[in-house]
N, C-alpha and C. Protein backbone atom coordinates (compact mmCIF):
# COMPACT_ATOMS: atom_id res chain seq x y z
N MET A 1 59.76 91.77 109.85
CA MET A 1 60.56 92.39 110.75
C MET A 1 60.35 91.06 111.97
N THR A 2 61.51 91.44 112.87
CA THR A 2 61.55 90.67 114.20
C THR A 2 62.70 91.61 115.09
N THR A 3 62.92 91.08 116.10
CA THR A 3 64.06 91.79 117.08
C THR A 3 64.87 90.81 116.89
N ARG A 4 65.90 91.54 117.62
CA ARG A 4 67.46 91.01 117.45
C ARG A 4 67.52 89.66 118.38
N ARG A 5 66.59 89.99 119.49
CA ARG A 5 66.72 88.72 120.32
C ARG A 5 66.52 87.40 119.65
N LEU A 6 65.54 87.48 118.49
CA LEU A 6 65.08 86.51 118.13
C LEU A 6 65.80 85.96 117.01
N VAL A 7 66.63 86.70 116.09
CA VAL A 7 67.34 86.93 115.40
C VAL A 7 69.13 86.34 115.85
N ASP A 8 69.25 86.54 116.80
CA ASP A 8 70.39 86.01 117.87
C ASP A 8 70.08 84.22 118.26
N LYS A 9 68.99 83.80 118.22
CA LYS A 9 68.73 82.27 118.53
C LYS A 9 68.60 81.32 117.10
N ILE A 10 69.12 82.10 115.96
CA ILE A 10 69.05 81.47 114.59
C ILE A 10 69.97 81.02 114.57
N ASP A 11 69.97 79.57 114.30
CA ASP A 11 71.22 78.46 114.20
C ASP A 11 71.95 78.38 112.80
N PHE A 12 72.77 79.24 112.46
CA PHE A 12 72.76 79.68 111.04
C PHE A 12 74.03 78.73 110.51
N GLU A 13 74.80 77.61 111.19
CA GLU A 13 75.31 76.69 110.99
C GLU A 13 74.29 75.35 110.42
N ALA A 14 73.04 75.50 111.13
CA ALA A 14 71.99 74.51 110.50
C ALA A 14 71.25 75.07 109.31
N THR A 15 71.05 76.14 109.17
CA THR A 15 70.61 77.05 108.44
C THR A 15 71.30 76.78 107.12
N ALA A 16 72.60 76.86 107.11
CA ALA A 16 73.39 76.88 106.07
C ALA A 16 73.36 75.68 105.26
N ILE A 17 73.34 74.59 106.52
CA ILE A 17 73.76 72.75 106.15
C ILE A 17 72.56 72.71 105.38
N ASN A 18 71.02 73.23 106.00
CA ASN A 18 69.67 72.68 105.31
C ASN A 18 69.62 73.71 104.12
N ALA A 19 69.87 74.82 103.80
CA ALA A 19 69.83 75.56 102.65
C ALA A 19 70.80 74.94 101.46
N LEU A 20 71.75 74.24 101.50
CA LEU A 20 72.92 73.46 100.52
C LEU A 20 72.15 72.53 100.76
N THR A 21 71.59 71.74 101.74
CA THR A 21 71.26 69.93 101.10
C THR A 21 69.91 70.46 100.31
N SER A 22 69.22 71.80 100.89
CA SER A 22 67.71 71.48 99.58
C SER A 22 67.67 72.36 98.05
N CYS A 23 69.16 72.37 98.00
CA CYS A 23 69.72 73.22 96.76
C CYS A 23 68.95 74.30 96.47
N GLY A 24 68.84 75.05 98.05
CA GLY A 24 67.89 76.52 97.61
C GLY A 24 68.64 77.46 98.73
N PRO A 25 69.94 77.90 98.47
CA PRO A 25 70.24 78.44 99.32
C PRO A 25 70.00 80.12 99.48
N GLU A 26 69.27 80.09 97.86
CA GLU A 26 68.68 81.73 97.93
C GLU A 26 67.30 81.89 98.87
N ASP A 27 66.58 80.84 99.35
CA ASP A 27 65.56 81.00 99.96
C ASP A 27 66.09 81.40 101.74
N VAL A 28 66.89 81.53 101.87
CA VAL A 28 67.60 82.18 103.14
C VAL A 28 67.22 83.19 103.54
N ARG A 29 66.63 83.43 104.00
CA ARG A 29 66.17 85.10 104.37
C ARG A 29 66.42 85.53 106.07
N VAL A 30 67.13 86.62 106.12
CA VAL A 30 66.66 87.18 107.99
C VAL A 30 66.30 88.53 107.49
N PRO A 31 65.32 88.49 108.29
CA PRO A 31 64.10 89.67 108.02
C PRO A 31 64.99 90.97 109.04
N LEU A 32 64.29 92.17 108.55
CA LEU A 32 64.79 93.04 109.37
C LEU A 32 64.76 92.86 110.78
N ALA A 33 65.87 93.73 111.58
CA ALA A 33 65.50 93.15 113.06
C ALA A 33 65.80 94.57 113.83
N PHE A 34 65.15 94.43 114.71
CA PHE A 34 65.27 95.70 115.51
C PHE A 34 65.33 95.39 117.28
N ASP A 35 65.38 96.64 117.97
CA ASP A 35 66.25 96.26 119.02
C ASP A 35 65.26 95.43 120.23
N SER A 36 64.12 95.96 119.81
CA SER A 36 62.75 96.28 120.74
C SER A 36 61.50 95.79 120.12
N ASP A 37 60.40 94.86 120.13
CA ASP A 37 59.15 94.74 120.09
C ASP A 37 58.42 96.22 119.63
N ARG A 38 58.61 97.12 119.99
CA ARG A 38 58.08 98.49 120.07
C ARG A 38 58.81 98.94 118.82
N GLU A 39 59.92 98.85 118.16
CA GLU A 39 60.79 99.27 117.31
C GLU A 39 60.27 98.27 116.13
N ALA A 40 59.62 97.21 116.31
CA ALA A 40 59.69 96.09 115.18
C ALA A 40 58.30 96.55 115.00
N MET A 41 57.36 97.17 115.55
CA MET A 41 56.08 96.80 115.37
C MET A 41 55.90 98.51 114.86
N ALA A 42 56.76 99.18 114.95
CA ALA A 42 56.04 100.67 114.70
C ALA A 42 56.86 100.67 112.92
N ALA A 43 58.02 99.96 112.99
CA ALA A 43 58.55 99.67 111.58
C ALA A 43 57.74 99.15 110.65
N VAL A 44 57.30 98.16 111.09
CA VAL A 44 55.84 97.02 110.45
C VAL A 44 54.55 98.43 110.62
N LEU A 45 54.19 98.78 111.24
CA LEU A 45 53.01 99.77 110.54
C LEU A 45 53.63 100.89 110.09
N MET A 46 54.34 101.55 109.92
CA MET A 46 54.81 102.86 108.64
C MET A 46 54.91 101.97 107.34
N THR A 47 54.87 100.59 107.34
CA THR A 47 54.59 100.37 106.20
C THR A 47 53.33 100.30 105.39
N LEU A 48 52.22 100.18 106.10
CA LEU A 48 50.93 99.74 105.72
C LEU A 48 50.48 101.26 105.54
N ARG A 49 49.85 101.66 104.25
CA ARG A 49 49.04 102.76 103.54
C ARG A 49 48.40 102.41 102.41
N PRO A 50 47.33 103.37 102.45
CA PRO A 50 46.83 103.75 103.96
C PRO A 50 45.90 103.14 104.78
N TYR A 51 45.74 103.39 106.06
CA TYR A 51 44.78 102.69 106.94
C TYR A 51 44.50 103.67 107.93
N THR A 52 42.93 103.10 108.36
CA THR A 52 42.37 103.37 109.57
C THR A 52 42.74 102.29 110.60
N ILE A 53 42.63 103.37 111.98
CA ILE A 53 42.71 102.21 113.09
C ILE A 53 41.74 101.22 112.97
N ASP A 54 40.51 101.24 112.05
CA ASP A 54 39.18 100.66 112.67
C ASP A 54 39.68 99.68 111.50
N ASP A 55 40.16 100.01 110.34
CA ASP A 55 40.51 98.96 109.33
C ASP A 55 42.22 98.07 109.68
N LEU A 56 43.04 98.76 110.63
CA LEU A 56 44.01 97.90 110.71
C LEU A 56 43.85 96.31 111.60
N ARG A 57 44.26 95.35 111.06
CA ARG A 57 44.13 93.52 111.39
C ARG A 57 45.27 93.60 112.08
N LEU A 58 45.17 93.15 112.99
CA LEU A 58 46.76 93.47 113.46
C LEU A 58 46.07 91.75 114.83
N VAL A 59 46.89 90.73 114.94
CA VAL A 59 46.28 89.62 115.76
C VAL A 59 47.61 89.29 116.50
N HIS A 60 47.89 89.14 117.99
CA HIS A 60 48.87 88.79 119.08
C HIS A 60 48.54 86.97 119.33
N ILE A 61 49.41 86.37 119.06
CA ILE A 61 49.10 84.91 119.32
C ILE A 61 50.22 84.76 120.48
N LYS A 62 49.96 83.41 121.08
CA LYS A 62 51.19 82.97 121.64
C LYS A 62 52.26 82.13 120.96
N ASN A 63 51.76 81.44 119.64
CA ASN A 63 52.64 80.71 118.81
C ASN A 63 51.84 79.98 117.74
N THR A 64 52.85 79.79 116.92
CA THR A 64 51.52 79.19 115.41
C THR A 64 50.80 77.76 116.24
N LEU A 65 51.19 77.13 117.35
CA LEU A 65 50.68 76.04 117.43
C LEU A 65 49.51 75.97 118.20
N GLU A 66 49.63 77.07 119.45
CA GLU A 66 48.26 77.33 119.97
C GLU A 66 47.66 78.62 119.77
N LEU A 67 46.77 78.23 118.76
CA LEU A 67 45.74 79.26 118.59
C LEU A 67 44.78 79.37 119.09
N THR A 68 44.64 79.40 120.41
CA THR A 68 43.28 79.37 121.31
C THR A 68 42.80 80.33 121.84
N ASN A 69 44.13 81.18 122.41
CA ASN A 69 43.05 82.58 122.55
C ASN A 69 43.98 83.88 121.64
N LEU A 70 43.65 84.67 121.71
CA LEU A 70 44.06 85.71 120.48
C LEU A 70 43.58 86.76 120.83
N LEU A 71 44.75 87.71 121.02
CA LEU A 71 44.32 89.28 121.01
C LEU A 71 44.00 89.78 119.67
N VAL A 72 43.13 90.75 119.15
CA VAL A 72 43.01 91.20 117.89
C VAL A 72 42.20 92.27 117.62
N SER A 73 43.25 92.98 117.12
CA SER A 73 42.44 94.46 116.84
C SER A 73 40.69 94.72 116.21
N LYS A 74 40.22 95.93 116.65
CA LYS A 74 38.91 96.17 116.15
C LYS A 74 38.80 95.78 114.47
N GLY A 75 39.91 95.74 113.94
CA GLY A 75 39.37 95.36 112.56
C GLY A 75 39.08 94.20 112.14
N CYS A 76 39.76 93.39 113.09
CA CYS A 76 39.09 91.91 112.40
C CYS A 76 38.09 91.01 113.55
N LEU A 77 37.48 91.68 114.27
CA LEU A 77 36.12 91.43 114.82
C LEU A 77 34.94 91.00 114.17
N LEU A 78 34.73 91.95 112.96
CA LEU A 78 33.76 91.52 111.94
C LEU A 78 33.74 90.09 111.58
N GLU A 79 34.75 89.77 110.93
CA GLU A 79 35.32 88.56 110.43
C GLU A 79 35.05 87.44 111.47
N LEU A 80 35.48 87.38 112.38
CA LEU A 80 35.84 86.92 113.58
C LEU A 80 33.72 86.20 114.14
N ALA A 81 33.13 87.40 114.33
CA ALA A 81 32.06 87.08 115.34
C ALA A 81 31.07 86.24 114.61
N ASP A 82 31.13 85.62 113.21
CA ASP A 82 30.58 84.54 112.79
C ASP A 82 31.11 83.16 112.94
N LYS A 83 32.15 82.99 113.13
CA LYS A 83 33.15 81.78 113.21
C LYS A 83 32.76 80.74 114.40
N PRO A 84 32.11 79.62 114.18
CA PRO A 84 31.52 78.95 115.31
C PRO A 84 32.59 78.38 116.25
N GLY A 85 32.72 78.47 117.19
CA GLY A 85 33.33 78.25 118.15
C GLY A 85 34.85 79.52 118.84
N VAL A 86 34.06 80.50 118.11
CA VAL A 86 35.00 81.80 118.65
C VAL A 86 33.94 82.56 119.52
N GLN A 87 34.78 82.65 120.65
CA GLN A 87 34.27 83.51 121.51
C GLN A 87 34.83 84.79 121.74
N ILE A 88 34.17 86.02 121.57
CA ILE A 88 34.54 87.27 121.82
C ILE A 88 34.33 87.83 123.21
N GLU A 89 35.35 87.95 123.73
CA GLU A 89 35.10 88.74 124.74
C GLU A 89 35.45 90.60 124.82
N ALA A 90 34.44 91.31 125.18
CA ALA A 90 34.31 92.90 125.28
C ALA A 90 35.42 93.45 125.68
N GLN A 91 36.40 93.27 125.64
CA GLN A 91 37.48 93.94 126.41
C GLN A 91 38.16 95.00 125.83
N ASP A 92 38.22 96.52 125.82
CA ASP A 92 38.82 96.94 125.15
C ASP A 92 40.28 97.26 125.78
N LEU A 93 41.50 96.56 125.12
CA LEU A 93 43.02 96.87 125.70
C LEU A 93 44.18 97.17 125.08
N GLN A 94 44.92 97.78 125.21
CA GLN A 94 45.67 98.68 124.58
C GLN A 94 47.24 97.97 124.75
N LEU A 95 48.00 97.66 124.11
CA LEU A 95 49.37 97.32 123.35
C LEU A 95 50.13 97.95 124.64
N GLU A 96 50.68 96.82 125.70
CA GLU A 96 51.75 97.62 126.79
C GLU A 96 53.26 97.04 126.64
N PHE A 97 54.16 98.19 127.09
CA PHE A 97 55.41 97.78 126.66
C PHE A 97 56.56 98.00 128.04
N ASP A 98 56.96 97.30 127.67
CA ASP A 98 57.81 97.33 129.53
C ASP A 98 59.30 97.90 128.77
N ARG A 99 60.11 98.75 129.70
CA ARG A 99 60.80 99.80 129.97
C ARG A 99 61.99 99.45 128.71
N SER A 100 62.00 98.26 128.66
CA SER A 100 62.68 98.33 127.13
C SER A 100 62.23 98.13 125.91
N GLY A 101 61.01 98.18 126.06
CA GLY A 101 60.50 98.28 124.84
C GLY A 101 59.81 97.21 123.98
N ASN A 102 59.75 95.84 125.25
CA ASN A 102 59.51 94.73 124.57
C ASN A 102 57.74 94.50 125.21
N LEU A 103 57.16 93.93 124.50
CA LEU A 103 55.91 93.49 124.22
C LEU A 103 55.28 92.38 125.53
N LEU A 104 54.60 93.40 126.62
CA LEU A 104 53.88 92.85 127.50
C LEU A 104 52.61 92.18 126.93
N SER A 105 52.96 90.53 126.99
CA SER A 105 51.37 89.85 126.55
C SER A 105 50.29 89.60 127.35
N TRP A 106 49.13 90.16 126.40
CA TRP A 106 47.50 89.87 127.15
C TRP A 106 47.40 88.45 126.99
N VAL A 107 48.20 87.99 126.11
CA VAL A 107 47.79 86.33 126.06
C VAL A 107 48.25 85.08 126.72
N GLU A 108 46.96 84.75 127.55
CA GLU A 108 47.54 83.99 128.70
C GLU A 108 48.55 82.78 128.12
N GLY A 109 49.39 82.70 129.31
CA GLY A 109 50.62 81.51 129.29
C GLY A 109 51.71 82.42 128.16
N THR A 110 51.72 83.57 127.73
CA THR A 110 52.74 83.81 126.59
C THR A 110 53.87 84.41 127.35
N PHE A 111 55.11 84.33 126.23
CA PHE A 111 56.22 84.64 127.04
C PHE A 111 57.26 84.62 128.08
């Protein structure tokens, strides 16, 4: 799932050319799109059953090319605690959204 603002950035002409060139048009998929980050996240969370807040594993990253700073849920902490080079800051943060329902990032330098 994603937001409409991301889907609006898709170059569908280039996507079609790539799909046809690779002989794999069936691989072209557009995810469900929602008007805001809050709506997209709520929809994703509705698909996870059963879970507890402590078991939930969410990770907020800047992008897949910059994985130096992460905001993770409590469910990720045990696995990360023993990893070499990982520094965990003990802050209890809440996700915050702007008036439009879009995520305000705690990950340094994002968005």
